[in-house]
């Protein structure tokens, strides 16, 4: 199983969620285990994306169990990760559409002769 170093943002997320760094590290390990199980791999963009998404969801669930949660709720951060992922996919989609537009324009202006 892939046991890479924990992300440097882990302590910050732990403080914001009101949990200990040790618990955050355990939750990170759980998230990467789940991501590896679900994707069937221990690397790649799909794996890392799912690992971070799972981690943030698990932390949010755990933050709700923390003492004093009712007085000062921890900020929800998984929405930010999902939003960033959507935005990056949209920019790639826009680039792909621009490429197709220029390719179609080029093909229209300079049609290739088909072999008989």
PDB file of N, CA and C in Angstrom:
ATOM      1  N   UNK A   1       0.848  -1.183   0.000  1.00  0.00           N
ATOM      2  CA  UNK A   1       0.000   0.000   0.000  1.00  0.00           C
ATOM      3  C   UNK A   1       0.890   1.241   0.000  1.00  0.00           C
ATOM      4  N   UNK A   2       0.480   2.229  -0.719  1.00  0.00           N
ATOM      5  CA  UNK A   2       1.256   3.457  -0.838  1.00  0.00           C
ATOM      6  C   UNK A   2       1.179   4.263   0.466  1.00  0.00           C
ATOM      7  N   UNK A   3       2.297   4.440   1.108  1.00  0.00           N
ATOM      8  CA  UNK A   3       2.347   5.227   2.353  1.00  0.00           C
ATOM      9  C   UNK A   3       3.262   6.425   2.160  1.00  0.00           C
ATOM     10  N   UNK A   4       2.845   7.337   1.327  1.00  0.00           N
ATOM     11  CA  UNK A   4       3.627   8.536   1.072  1.00  0.00           C
ATOM     12  C   UNK A   4       3.547   9.482   2.260  1.00  0.00           C
ATOM     13  N   UNK A   5       4.366  10.497   2.222  1.00  0.00           N
ATOM     14  CA  UNK A   5       4.314  11.515   3.266  1.00  0.00           C
ATOM     15  C   UNK A   5       2.974  12.234   3.207  1.00  0.00           C
ATOM     16  N   UNK A   6       2.523  12.636   4.352  1.00  0.00           N
ATOM     17  CA  UNK A   6       1.252  13.353   4.418  1.00  0.00           C
ATOM     18  C   UNK A   6       1.406  14.736   3.784  1.00  0.00           C
ATOM     19  N   UNK A   7       0.341  15.262   3.203  1.00  0.00           N
ATOM     20  CA  UNK A   7       0.401  16.599   2.612  1.00  0.00           C
ATOM     21  C   UNK A   7       0.742  17.650   3.668  1.00  0.00           C
ATOM     22  N   UNK A   8       1.437  18.679   3.263  1.00  0.00           N
ATOM     23  CA  UNK A   8       1.845  19.731   4.193  1.00  0.00           C
ATOM     24  C   UNK A   8       0.667  20.528   4.740  1.00  0.00           C
ATOM     25  N   UNK A   9      -0.455  20.453   4.062  1.00  0.00           N
ATOM     26  CA  UNK A   9      -1.639  21.194   4.494  1.00  0.00           C
ATOM     27  C   UNK A   9      -2.400  20.467   5.604  1.00  0.00           C
ATOM     28  N   UNK A  10      -2.004  19.248   5.907  1.00  0.00           N
ATOM     29  CA  UNK A  10      -2.708  18.429   6.900  1.00  0.00           C
ATOM     30  C   UNK A  10      -2.874  19.127   8.258  1.00  0.00           C
ATOM     31  N   UNK A  11      -1.815  19.695   8.848  1.00  0.00           N
ATOM     32  CA  UNK A  11      -1.981  20.365  10.150  1.00  0.00           C
ATOM     33  C   UNK A  11      -2.956  21.547  10.088  1.00  0.00           C
ATOM     34  N   UNK A  12      -2.929  22.276   9.001  1.00  0.00           N
ATOM     35  CA  UNK A  12      -3.839  23.416   8.851  1.00  0.00           C
ATOM     36  C   UNK A  12      -5.284  22.931   8.832  1.00  0.00           C
ATOM     37  N   UNK A  13      -5.551  21.886   8.047  1.00  0.00           N
ATOM     38  CA  UNK A  13      -6.907  21.329   7.983  1.00  0.00           C
ATOM     39  C   UNK A  13      -7.318  20.810   9.355  1.00  0.00           C
ATOM     40  N   UNK A  14      -6.376  20.159  10.059  1.00  0.00           N
ATOM     41  CA  UNK A  14      -6.673  19.632  11.399  1.00  0.00           C
ATOM     42  C   UNK A  14      -7.076  20.768  12.344  1.00  0.00           C
ATOM     43  N   UNK A  15      -6.323  21.865  12.332  1.00  0.00           N
ATOM     44  CA  UNK A  15      -6.650  23.002  13.209  1.00  0.00           C
ATOM     45  C   UNK A  15      -8.007  23.590  12.857  1.00  0.00           C
ATOM     46  N   UNK A  16      -8.271  23.750  11.561  1.00  0.00           N
ATOM     47  CA  UNK A  16      -9.552  24.323  11.134  1.00  0.00           C
ATOM     48  C   UNK A  16     -10.726  23.421  11.511  1.00  0.00           C
ATOM     49  N   UNK A  17     -10.492  22.115  11.511  1.00  0.00           N
ATOM     50  CA  UNK A  17     -11.564  21.167  11.834  1.00  0.00           C
ATOM     51  C   UNK A  17     -11.665  20.910  13.332  1.00  0.00           C
ATOM     52  N   UNK A  18     -10.672  21.363  14.097  1.00  0.00           N
ATOM     53  CA  UNK A  18     -10.699  21.151  15.542  1.00  0.00           C
ATOM     54  C   UNK A  18     -10.321  19.741  15.953  1.00  0.00           C
ATOM     55  N   UNK A  19      -9.466  19.088  15.157  1.00  0.00           N
ATOM     56  CA  UNK A  19      -8.993  17.747  15.496  1.00  0.00           C
ATOM     57  C   UNK A  19      -7.479  17.781  15.646  1.00  0.00           C
ATOM     58  N   UNK A  20      -6.913  16.740  16.218  1.00  0.00           N
ATOM     59  CA  UNK A  20      -5.467  16.704  16.421  1.00  0.00           C
ATOM     60  C   UNK A  20      -4.759  16.339  15.119  1.00  0.00           C
ATOM     61  N   UNK A  21      -3.469  16.683  15.071  1.00  0.00           N
ATOM     62  CA  UNK A  21      -2.652  16.328  13.911  1.00  0.00           C
ATOM     63  C   UNK A  21      -2.564  14.808  13.755  1.00  0.00           C
ATOM     64  N   UNK A  22      -2.496  14.107  14.890  1.00  0.00           N
ATOM     65  CA  UNK A  22      -2.403  12.644  14.847  1.00  0.00           C
ATOM     66  C   UNK A  22      -3.665  12.031  14.231  1.00  0.00           C
ATOM     67  N   UNK A  23      -4.818  12.571  14.632  1.00  0.00           N
ATOM     68  CA  UNK A  23      -6.073  12.077  14.073  1.00  0.00           C
ATOM     69  C   UNK A  23      -6.151  12.408  12.580  1.00  0.00           C
ATOM     70  N   UNK A  24      -5.710  13.594  12.214  1.00  0.00           N
ATOM     71  CA  UNK A  24      -5.719  13.978  10.798  1.00  0.00           C
ATOM     72  C   UNK A  24      -4.850  13.031   9.978  1.00  0.00           C
ATOM     73  N   UNK A  25      -3.690  12.639  10.533  1.00  0.00           N
ATOM     74  CA  UNK A  25      -2.816  11.705   9.829  1.00  0.00           C
ATOM     75  C   UNK A  25      -3.486  10.338   9.681  1.00  0.00           C
ATOM     76  N   UNK A  26      -4.177   9.883  10.724  1.00  0.00           N
ATOM     77  CA  UNK A  26      -4.906   8.606  10.633  1.00  0.00           C
ATOM     78  C   UNK A  26      -6.012   8.689   9.577  1.00  0.00           C
ATOM     79  N   UNK A  27      -6.702   9.812   9.558  1.00  0.00           N
ATOM     80  CA  UNK A  27      -7.769   9.990   8.574  1.00  0.00           C
ATOM     81  C   UNK A  27      -7.201  10.057   7.154  1.00  0.00           C
ATOM     82  N   UNK A  28      -6.037  10.681   6.996  1.00  0.00           N
ATOM     83  CA  UNK A  28      -5.379  10.726   5.690  1.00  0.00           C
ATOM     84  C   UNK A  28      -5.031   9.308   5.216  1.00  0.00           C
ATOM     85  N   UNK A  29      -4.486   8.516   6.128  1.00  0.00           N
ATOM     86  CA  UNK A  29      -4.142   7.134   5.766  1.00  0.00           C
ATOM     87  C   UNK A  29      -5.386   6.339   5.384  1.00  0.00           C
ATOM     88  N   UNK A  30      -6.462   6.588   6.089  1.00  0.00           N
ATOM     89  CA  UNK A  30      -7.720   5.911   5.746  1.00  0.00           C
ATOM     90  C   UNK A  30      -8.191   6.351   4.359  1.00  0.00           C
ATOM     91  N   UNK A  31      -8.089   7.644   4.082  1.00  0.00           N
ATOM     92  CA  UNK A  31      -8.538   8.172   2.786  1.00  0.00           C
ATOM     93  C   UNK A  31      -7.715   7.613   1.636  1.00  0.00           C
ATOM     94  N   UNK A  32      -6.390   7.504   1.807  1.00  0.00           N
ATOM     95  CA  UNK A  32      -5.590   6.971   0.700  1.00  0.00           C
ATOM     96  C   UNK A  32      -5.830   5.480   0.525  1.00  0.00           C
ATOM     97  N   UNK A  33      -6.134   4.785   1.623  1.00  0.00           N
ATOM     98  CA  UNK A  33      -6.479   3.358   1.510  1.00  0.00           C
ATOM     99  C   UNK A  33      -7.786   3.188   0.732  1.00  0.00           C
ATOM    100  N   UNK A  34      -8.766   4.006   1.046  1.00  0.00           N
ATOM    101  CA  UNK A  34     -10.044   3.938   0.343  1.00  0.00           C
ATOM    102  C   UNK A  34      -9.880   4.298  -1.127  1.00  0.00           C
ATOM    103  N   UNK A  35      -9.079   5.322  -1.397  1.00  0.00           N
ATOM    104  CA  UNK A  35      -8.866   5.738  -2.788  1.00  0.00           C
ATOM    105  C   UNK A  35      -8.165   4.638  -3.580  1.00  0.00           C
ATOM    106  N   UNK A  36      -7.210   3.983  -2.946  1.00  0.00           N
ATOM    107  CA  UNK A  36      -6.501   2.889  -3.614  1.00  0.00           C
ATOM    108  C   UNK A  36      -7.457   1.729  -3.891  1.00  0.00           C
ATOM    109  N   UNK A  37      -8.306   1.428  -2.938  1.00  0.00           N
ATOM    110  CA  UNK A  37      -9.274   0.347  -3.108  1.00  0.00           C
ATOM    111  C   UNK A  37     -10.256   0.670  -4.232  1.00  0.00           C
ATOM    112  N   UNK A  38     -10.763   1.908  -4.243  1.00  0.00           N
ATOM    113  CA  UNK A  38     -11.777   2.292  -5.222  1.00  0.00           C
ATOM    114  C   UNK A  38     -11.227   2.441  -6.635  1.00  0.00           C
ATOM    115  N   UNK A  39      -9.994   2.942  -6.764  1.00  0.00           N
ATOM    116  CA  UNK A  39      -9.422   3.142  -8.096  1.00  0.00           C
ATOM    117  C   UNK A  39      -8.627   1.939  -8.582  1.00  0.00           C
ATOM    118  N   UNK A  40      -8.195   1.087  -7.645  1.00  0.00           N
ATOM    119  CA  UNK A  40      -7.382  -0.063  -8.028  1.00  0.00           C
ATOM    120  C   UNK A  40      -5.955   0.306  -8.352  1.00  0.00           C
ATOM    121  N   UNK A  41      -5.538   1.485  -7.961  1.00  0.00           N
ATOM    122  CA  UNK A  41      -4.167   1.933  -8.202  1.00  0.00           C
ATOM    123  C   UNK A  41      -3.713   2.836  -7.063  1.00  0.00           C
ATOM    124  N   UNK A  42      -2.406   3.033  -6.972  1.00  0.00           N
ATOM    125  CA  UNK A  42      -1.860   3.842  -5.884  1.00  0.00           C
ATOM    126  C   UNK A  42      -1.141   5.078  -6.415  1.00  0.00           C
ATOM    127  N   UNK A  43      -1.497   5.501  -7.598  1.00  0.00           N
ATOM    128  CA  UNK A  43      -0.940   6.724  -8.170  1.00  0.00           C
ATOM    129  C   UNK A  43      -1.835   7.179  -9.305  1.00  0.00           C
ATOM    130  N   UNK A  44      -1.552   8.345  -9.809  1.00  0.00           N
ATOM    131  CA  UNK A  44      -2.352   8.899 -10.901  1.00  0.00           C
ATOM    132  C   UNK A  44      -3.294   9.978 -10.413  1.00  0.00           C
ATOM    133  N   UNK A  45      -3.757  10.788 -11.341  1.00  0.00           N
ATOM    134  CA  UNK A  45      -4.589  11.929 -10.966  1.00  0.00           C
ATOM    135  C   UNK A  45      -5.931  11.506 -10.368  1.00  0.00           C
ATOM    136  N   UNK A  46      -6.518  10.442 -10.887  1.00  0.00           N
ATOM    137  CA  UNK A  46      -7.797   9.978 -10.337  1.00  0.00           C
ATOM    138  C   UNK A  46      -7.627   9.532  -8.882  1.00  0.00           C
ATOM    139  N   UNK A  47      -6.536   8.819  -8.614  1.00  0.00           N
ATOM    140  CA  UNK A  47      -6.250   8.343  -7.255  1.00  0.00           C
ATOM    141  C   UNK A  47      -6.069   9.511  -6.293  1.00  0.00           C
ATOM    142  N   UNK A  48      -5.219  10.477  -6.668  1.00  0.00           N
ATOM    143  CA  UNK A  48      -4.940  11.602  -5.761  1.00  0.00           C
ATOM    144  C   UNK A  48      -6.167  12.474  -5.561  1.00  0.00           C
ATOM    145  N   UNK A  49      -6.927  12.684  -6.612  1.00  0.00           N
ATOM    146  CA  UNK A  49      -8.144  13.478  -6.503  1.00  0.00           C
ATOM    147  C   UNK A  49      -9.132  12.826  -5.541  1.00  0.00           C
ATOM    148  N   UNK A  50      -9.329  11.522  -5.705  1.00  0.00           N
ATOM    149  CA  UNK A  50     -10.248  10.802  -4.826  1.00  0.00           C
ATOM    150  C   UNK A  50      -9.720  10.757  -3.396  1.00  0.00           C
ATOM    151  N   UNK A  51      -8.415  10.591  -3.219  1.00  0.00           N
ATOM    152  CA  UNK A  51      -7.833  10.551  -1.874  1.00  0.00           C
ATOM    153  C   UNK A  51      -8.089  11.864  -1.135  1.00  0.00           C
ATOM    154  N   UNK A  52      -7.862  12.977  -1.801  1.00  0.00           N
ATOM    155  CA  UNK A  52      -8.075  14.270  -1.150  1.00  0.00           C
ATOM    156  C   UNK A  52      -9.555  14.518  -0.895  1.00  0.00           C
ATOM    157  N   UNK A  53     -10.392  14.149  -1.846  1.00  0.00           N
ATOM    158  CA  UNK A  53     -11.831  14.318  -1.649  1.00  0.00           C
ATOM    159  C   UNK A  53     -12.332  13.475  -0.475  1.00  0.00           C
ATOM    160  N   UNK A  54     -11.890  12.228  -0.401  1.00  0.00           N
ATOM    161  CA  UNK A  54     -12.274  11.344   0.711  1.00  0.00           C
ATOM    162  C   UNK A  54     -11.759  11.906   2.035  1.00  0.00           C
ATOM    163  N   UNK A  55     -10.523  12.377   2.048  1.00  0.00           N
ATOM    164  CA  UNK A  55      -9.941  12.927   3.277  1.00  0.00           C
ATOM    165  C   UNK A  55     -10.773  14.089   3.796  1.00  0.00           C
ATOM    166  N   UNK A  56     -11.105  15.025   2.936  1.00  0.00           N
ATOM    167  CA  UNK A  56     -11.877  16.187   3.378  1.00  0.00           C
ATOM    168  C   UNK A  56     -13.263  15.779   3.873  1.00  0.00           C
ATOM    169  N   UNK A  57     -13.873  14.814   3.215  1.00  0.00           N
ATOM    170  CA  UNK A  57     -15.190  14.346   3.666  1.00  0.00           C
ATOM    171  C   UNK A  57     -15.094  13.660   5.025  1.00  0.00           C
ATOM    172  N   UNK A  58     -14.064  12.842   5.210  1.00  0.00           N
ATOM    173  CA  UNK A  58     -13.881  12.147   6.495  1.00  0.00           C
ATOM    174  C   UNK A  58     -13.592  13.149   7.608  1.00  0.00           C
ATOM    175  N   UNK A  59     -12.772  14.151   7.314  1.00  0.00           N
ATOM    176  CA  UNK A  59     -12.455  15.181   8.318  1.00  0.00           C
ATOM    177  C   UNK A  59     -13.716  15.941   8.710  1.00  0.00           C
ATOM    178  N   UNK A  60     -14.551  16.276   7.739  1.00  0.00           N
ATOM    179  CA  UNK A  60     -15.791  16.988   8.053  1.00  0.00           C
ATOM    180  C   UNK A  60     -16.696  16.145   8.951  1.00  0.00           C
ATOM    181  N   UNK A  61     -16.764  14.853   8.669  1.00  0.00           N
ATOM    182  CA  UNK A  61     -17.562  13.966   9.525  1.00  0.00           C
ATOM    183  C   UNK A  61     -16.986  13.910  10.931  1.00  0.00           C
ATOM    184  N   UNK A  62     -15.668  13.810  11.019  1.00  0.00           N
ATOM    185  CA  UNK A  62     -15.001  13.715  12.326  1.00  0.00           C
ATOM    186  C   UNK A  62     -15.110  15.027  13.098  1.00  0.00           C
ATOM    187  N   UNK A  63     -15.073  16.147  12.381  1.00  0.00           N
ATOM    188  CA  UNK A  63     -15.160  17.449  13.049  1.00  0.00           C
ATOM    189  C   UNK A  63     -16.498  17.610  13.743  1.00  0.00           C
ATOM    190  N   UNK A  64     -17.537  17.001  13.199  1.00  0.00           N
ATOM    191  CA  UNK A  64     -18.854  17.068  13.827  1.00  0.00           C
ATOM    192  C   UNK A  64     -18.912  16.340  15.148  1.00  0.00           C
ATOM    193  N   UNK A  65     -17.961  15.419  15.373  1.00  0.00           N
ATOM    194  CA  UNK A  65     -17.923  14.653  16.620  1.00  0.00           C
ATOM    195  C   UNK A  65     -17.013  15.293  17.663  1.00  0.00           C
ATOM    196  N   UNK A  66     -16.254  16.305  17.261  1.00  0.00           N
ATOM    197  CA  UNK A  66     -15.291  16.929  18.176  1.00  0.00           C
ATOM    198  C   UNK A  66     -16.019  17.662  19.297  1.00  0.00           C
ATOM    199  N   UNK A  67     -15.434  17.654  20.523  1.00  0.00           N
ATOM    200  CA  UNK A  67     -16.065  18.361  21.643  1.00  0.00           C
ATOM    201  C   UNK A  67     -16.164  19.861  21.348  1.00  0.00           C
ATOM    202  N   UNK A  68     -17.269  20.449  21.720  1.00  0.00           N
ATOM    203  CA  UNK A  68     -17.449  21.885  21.520  1.00  0.00           C
ATOM    204  C   UNK A  68     -17.819  22.245  20.095  1.00  0.00           C
ATOM    205  N   UNK A  69     -18.135  21.250  19.277  1.00  0.00           N
ATOM    206  CA  UNK A  69     -18.455  21.517  17.882  1.00  0.00           C
ATOM    207  C   UNK A  69     -19.684  22.410  17.748  1.00  0.00           C
ATOM    208  N   UNK A  70     -20.649  22.228  18.642  1.00  0.00           N
ATOM    209  CA  UNK A  70     -21.864  23.029  18.562  1.00  0.00           C
ATOM    210  C   UNK A  70     -21.622  24.507  18.779  1.00  0.00           C
ATOM    211  N   UNK A  71     -20.542  24.853  19.487  1.00  0.00           N
ATOM    212  CA  UNK A  71     -20.260  26.260  19.761  1.00  0.00           C
ATOM    213  C   UNK A  71     -19.534  26.937  18.609  1.00  0.00           C
ATOM    214  N   UNK A  72     -18.546  26.255  18.053  1.00  0.00           N
ATOM    215  CA  UNK A  72     -17.773  26.837  16.954  1.00  0.00           C
ATOM    216  C   UNK A  72     -17.637  25.802  15.838  1.00  0.00           C
ATOM    217  N   UNK A  73     -18.549  25.794  14.887  1.00  0.00           N
ATOM    218  CA  UNK A  73     -18.478  24.790  13.829  1.00  0.00           C
ATOM    219  C   UNK A  73     -17.239  24.960  12.963  1.00  0.00           C
ATOM    220  N   UNK A  74     -16.665  23.844  12.584  1.00  0.00           N
ATOM    221  CA  UNK A  74     -15.489  23.867  11.724  1.00  0.00           C
ATOM    222  C   UNK A  74     -15.921  24.212  10.302  1.00  0.00           C
ATOM    223  N   UNK A  75     -15.077  24.928   9.574  1.00  0.00           N
ATOM    224  CA  UNK A  75     -15.444  25.274   8.200  1.00  0.00           C
ATOM    225  C   UNK A  75     -15.456  24.031   7.308  1.00  0.00           C
ATOM    226  N   UNK A  76     -16.386  23.999   6.403  1.00  0.00           N
ATOM    227  CA  UNK A  76     -16.476  22.899   5.450  1.00  0.00           C
ATOM    228  C   UNK A  76     -15.543  23.218   4.281  1.00  0.00           C
ATOM    229  N   UNK A  77     -14.618  22.315   3.968  1.00  0.00           N
ATOM    230  CA  UNK A  77     -13.624  22.581   2.929  1.00  0.00           C
ATOM    231  C   UNK A  77     -13.767  21.708   1.698  1.00  0.00           C
ATOM    232  N   UNK A  78     -14.553  20.649   1.768  1.00  0.00           N
ATOM    233  CA  UNK A  78     -14.646  19.751   0.611  1.00  0.00           C
ATOM    234  C   UNK A  78     -15.278  20.444  -0.583  1.00  0.00           C
ATOM    235  N   UNK A  79     -16.161  21.406  -0.363  1.00  0.00           N
ATOM    236  CA  UNK A  79     -16.778  22.132  -1.472  1.00  0.00           C
ATOM    237  C   UNK A  79     -15.724  22.847  -2.292  1.00  0.00           C
ATOM    238  N   UNK A  80     -14.698  23.361  -1.600  1.00  0.00           N
ATOM    239  CA  UNK A  80     -13.638  24.099  -2.290  1.00  0.00           C
ATOM    240  C   UNK A  80     -12.868  23.163  -3.220  1.00  0.00           C
ATOM    241  N   UNK A  81     -12.569  21.958  -2.744  1.00  0.00           N
ATOM    242  CA  UNK A  81     -11.845  20.993  -3.567  1.00  0.00           C
ATOM    243  C   UNK A  81     -12.684  20.598  -4.790  1.00  0.00           C
ATOM    244  N   UNK A  82     -13.975  20.329  -4.583  1.00  0.00           N
ATOM    245  CA  UNK A  82     -14.829  19.960  -5.705  1.00  0.00           C
ATOM    246  C   UNK A  82     -14.939  21.099  -6.711  1.00  0.00           C
ATOM    247  N   UNK A  83     -15.025  22.338  -6.207  1.00  0.00           N
ATOM    248  CA  UNK A  83     -15.108  23.503  -7.093  1.00  0.00           C
ATOM    249  C   UNK A  83     -13.825  23.647  -7.911  1.00  0.00           C
ATOM    250  N   UNK A  84     -12.669  23.491  -7.270  1.00  0.00           N
ATOM    251  CA  UNK A  84     -11.396  23.585  -7.990  1.00  0.00           C
ATOM    252  C   UNK A  84     -11.302  22.512  -9.066  1.00  0.00           C
ATOM    253  N   UNK A  85     -11.736  21.314  -8.752  1.00  0.00           N
ATOM    254  CA  UNK A  85     -11.697  20.221  -9.718  1.00  0.00           C
ATOM    255  C   UNK A  85     -12.585  20.534 -10.911  1.00  0.00           C
ATOM    256  N   UNK A  86     -13.795  21.030 -10.645  1.00  0.00           N
ATOM    257  CA  UNK A  86     -14.698  21.398 -11.742  1.00  0.00           C
ATOM    258  C   UNK A  86     -14.096  22.490 -12.611  1.00  0.00           C
ATOM    259  N   UNK A  87     -13.498  23.498 -11.986  1.00  0.00           N
ATOM    260  CA  UNK A  87     -12.919  24.605 -12.746  1.00  0.00           C
ATOM    261  C   UNK A  87     -11.762  24.140 -13.621  1.00  0.00           C
ATOM    262  N   UNK A  88     -10.929  23.249 -13.107  1.00  0.00           N
ATOM    263  CA  UNK A  88      -9.803  22.772 -13.914  1.00  0.00           C
ATOM    264  C   UNK A  88     -10.306  21.937 -15.090  1.00  0.00           C
ATOM    265  N   UNK A  89     -11.359  21.159 -14.875  1.00  0.00           N
ATOM    266  CA  UNK A  89     -11.917  20.366 -15.973  1.00  0.00           C
ATOM    267  C   UNK A  89     -12.546  21.270 -17.029  1.00  0.00           C
ATOM    268  N   UNK A  90     -13.174  22.369 -16.598  1.00  0.00           N
ATOM    269  CA  UNK A  90     -13.775  23.286 -17.549  1.00  0.00           C
ATOM    270  C   UNK A  90     -12.721  23.949 -18.429  1.00  0.00           C
ATOM    271  N   UNK A  91     -11.582  24.307 -17.859  1.00  0.00           N
ATOM    272  CA  UNK A  91     -10.547  24.938 -18.670  1.00  0.00           C
ATOM    273  C   UNK A  91      -9.973  23.955 -19.677  1.00  0.00           C
ATOM    274  N   UNK A  92      -9.849  22.683 -19.295  1.00  0.00           N
ATOM    275  CA  UNK A  92      -9.378  21.673 -20.241  1.00  0.00           C
ATOM    276  C   UNK A  92     -10.409  21.453 -21.344  1.00  0.00           C
ATOM    277  N   UNK A  93     -11.676  21.464 -20.996  1.00  0.00           N
ATOM    278  CA  UNK A  93     -12.734  21.310 -21.980  1.00  0.00           C
ATOM    279  C   UNK A  93     -12.741  22.482 -22.961  1.00  0.00           C
ATOM    280  N   UNK A  94     -12.538  23.690 -22.452  1.00  0.00           N
ATOM    281  CA  UNK A  94     -12.484  24.867 -23.320  1.00  0.00           C
ATOM    282  C   UNK A  94     -11.301  24.773 -24.289  1.00  0.00           C
ATOM    283  N   UNK A  95     -10.157  24.330 -23.818  1.00  0.00           N
ATOM    284  CA  UNK A  95      -8.989  24.174 -24.687  1.00  0.00           C
ATOM    285  C   UNK A  95      -9.256  23.119 -25.759  1.00  0.00           C
ATOM    286  N   UNK A  96      -9.883  22.031 -25.365  1.00  0.00           N
ATOM    287  CA  UNK A  96     -10.207  20.972 -26.325  1.00  0.00           C
ATOM    288  C   UNK A  96     -11.185  21.484 -27.388  1.00  0.00           C
ATOM    289  N   UNK A  97     -12.178  22.239 -26.977  1.00  0.00           N
ATOM    290  CA  UNK A  97     -13.138  22.796 -27.934  1.00  0.00           C
ATOM    291  C   UNK A  97     -12.474  23.786 -28.877  1.00  0.00           C
ATOM    292  N   UNK A  98     -11.565  24.609 -28.378  1.00  0.00           N
ATOM    293  CA  UNK A  98     -10.839  25.560 -29.229  1.00  0.00           C
ATOM    294  C   UNK A  98     -10.000  24.805 -30.261  1.00  0.00           C
ATOM    295  N   UNK A  99      -9.352  23.739 -29.823  1.00  0.00           N
ATOM    296  CA  UNK A  99      -8.559  22.926 -30.749  1.00  0.00           C
ATOM    297  C   UNK A  99      -9.445  22.349 -31.852  1.00  0.00           C
ATOM    298  N   UNK A 100     -10.585  21.798 -31.461  1.00  0.00           N
ATOM    299  CA  UNK A 100     -11.497  21.222 -32.461  1.00  0.00           C
ATOM    300  C   UNK A 100     -11.997  22.273 -33.445  1.00  0.00           C
ATOM    301  N   UNK A 101     -12.287  23.478 -32.947  1.00  0.00           N
ATOM    302  CA  UNK A 101     -12.736  24.565 -33.803  1.00  0.00           C
ATOM    303  C   UNK A 101     -11.677  24.886 -34.852  1.00  0.00           C
ATOM    304  N   UNK A 102     -10.440  25.065 -34.395  1.00  0.00           N
ATOM    305  CA  UNK A 102      -9.361  25.405 -35.335  1.00  0.00           C
ATOM    306  C   UNK A 102      -9.074  24.247 -36.279  1.00  0.00           C
ATOM    307  N   UNK A 103      -9.172  23.023 -35.810  1.00  0.00           N
ATOM    308  CA  UNK A 103      -8.955  21.861 -36.682  1.00  0.00           C
ATOM    309  C   UNK A 103     -10.034  21.797 -37.761  1.00  0.00           C
ATOM    310  N   UNK A 104     -11.285  22.016 -37.388  1.00  0.00           N
ATOM    311  CA  UNK A 104     -12.383  22.018 -38.364  1.00  0.00           C
ATOM    312  C   UNK A 104     -12.231  23.156 -39.363  1.00  0.00           C
ATOM    313  N   UNK A 105     -11.823  24.333 -38.880  1.00  0.00           N
ATOM    314  CA  UNK A 105     -11.601  25.472 -39.771  1.00  0.00           C
ATOM    315  C   UNK A 105     -10.485  25.164 -40.758  1.00  0.00           C
ATOM    316  N   UNK A 106      -9.406  24.613 -40.277  1.00  0.00           N
ATOM    317  CA  UNK A 106      -8.269  24.248 -41.125  1.00  0.00           C
ATOM    318  C   UNK A 106      -8.695  23.222 -42.185  1.00  0.00           C
ATOM    319  N   UNK A 107      -9.446  22.213 -41.758  1.00  0.00           N
ATOM    320  CA  UNK A 107      -9.915  21.192 -42.690  1.00  0.00           C
ATOM    321  C   UNK A 107     -10.852  21.763 -43.741  1.00  0.00           C
ATOM    322  N   UNK A 108     -11.638  22.777 -43.373  1.00  0.00           N
ATOM    323  CA  UNK A 108     -12.542  23.409 -44.321  1.00  0.00           C
ATOM    324  C   UNK A 108     -11.770  24.239 -45.337  1.00  0.00           C
ATOM    325  N   UNK A 109     -10.775  24.971 -44.867  1.00  0.00           N
ATOM    326  CA  UNK A 109      -9.991  25.822 -45.765  1.00  0.00           C
ATOM    327  C   UNK A 109      -9.054  25.018 -46.652  1.00  0.00           C
ATOM    328  N   UNK A 110      -8.480  23.975 -46.123  1.00  0.00           N
ATOM    329  CA  UNK A 110      -7.511  23.156 -46.845  1.00  0.00           C
ATOM    330  C   UNK A 110      -7.913  21.688 -46.794  1.00  0.00           C
ATOM    331  N   UNK A 111      -8.951  21.337 -47.574  1.00  0.00           N
ATOM    332  CA  UNK A 111      -9.390  19.940 -47.531  1.00  0.00           C
ATOM    333  C   UNK A 111      -8.328  19.002 -48.096  1.00  0.00           C
ATOM    334  N   UNK A 112      -8.230  17.860 -47.507  1.00  0.00           N
ATOM    335  CA  UNK A 112      -7.255  16.866 -47.965  1.00  0.00           C
ATOM    336  C   UNK A 112      -7.891  16.034 -49.061  1.00  0.00           C
ATOM    337  N   UNK A 113      -7.056  15.686 -50.038  1.00  0.00           N
ATOM    338  CA  UNK A 113      -7.555  14.837 -51.119  1.00  0.00           C
ATOM    339  C   UNK A 113      -7.630  13.409 -50.604  1.00  0.00           C
ATOM    340  N   UNK A 114      -8.758  12.796 -50.855  1.00  0.00           N
ATOM    341  CA  UNK A 114      -8.949  11.412 -50.405  1.00  0.00           C
ATOM    342  C   UNK A 114      -8.370  10.460 -51.444  1.00  0.00           C
ATOM    343  N   UNK A 115      -7.693   9.437 -50.939  1.00  0.00           N
ATOM    344  CA  UNK A 115      -7.127   8.429 -51.839  1.00  0.00           C
ATOM    345  C   UNK A 115      -8.241   7.564 -52.408  1.00  0.00           C
ATOM    346  N   UNK A 116      -8.136   7.272 -53.692  1.00  0.00           N
ATOM    347  CA  UNK A 116      -9.183   6.485 -54.351  1.00  0.00           C
ATOM    348  C   UNK A 116      -9.018   5.010 -54.148  1.00  0.00           C
TER     349      UNK A 116
END
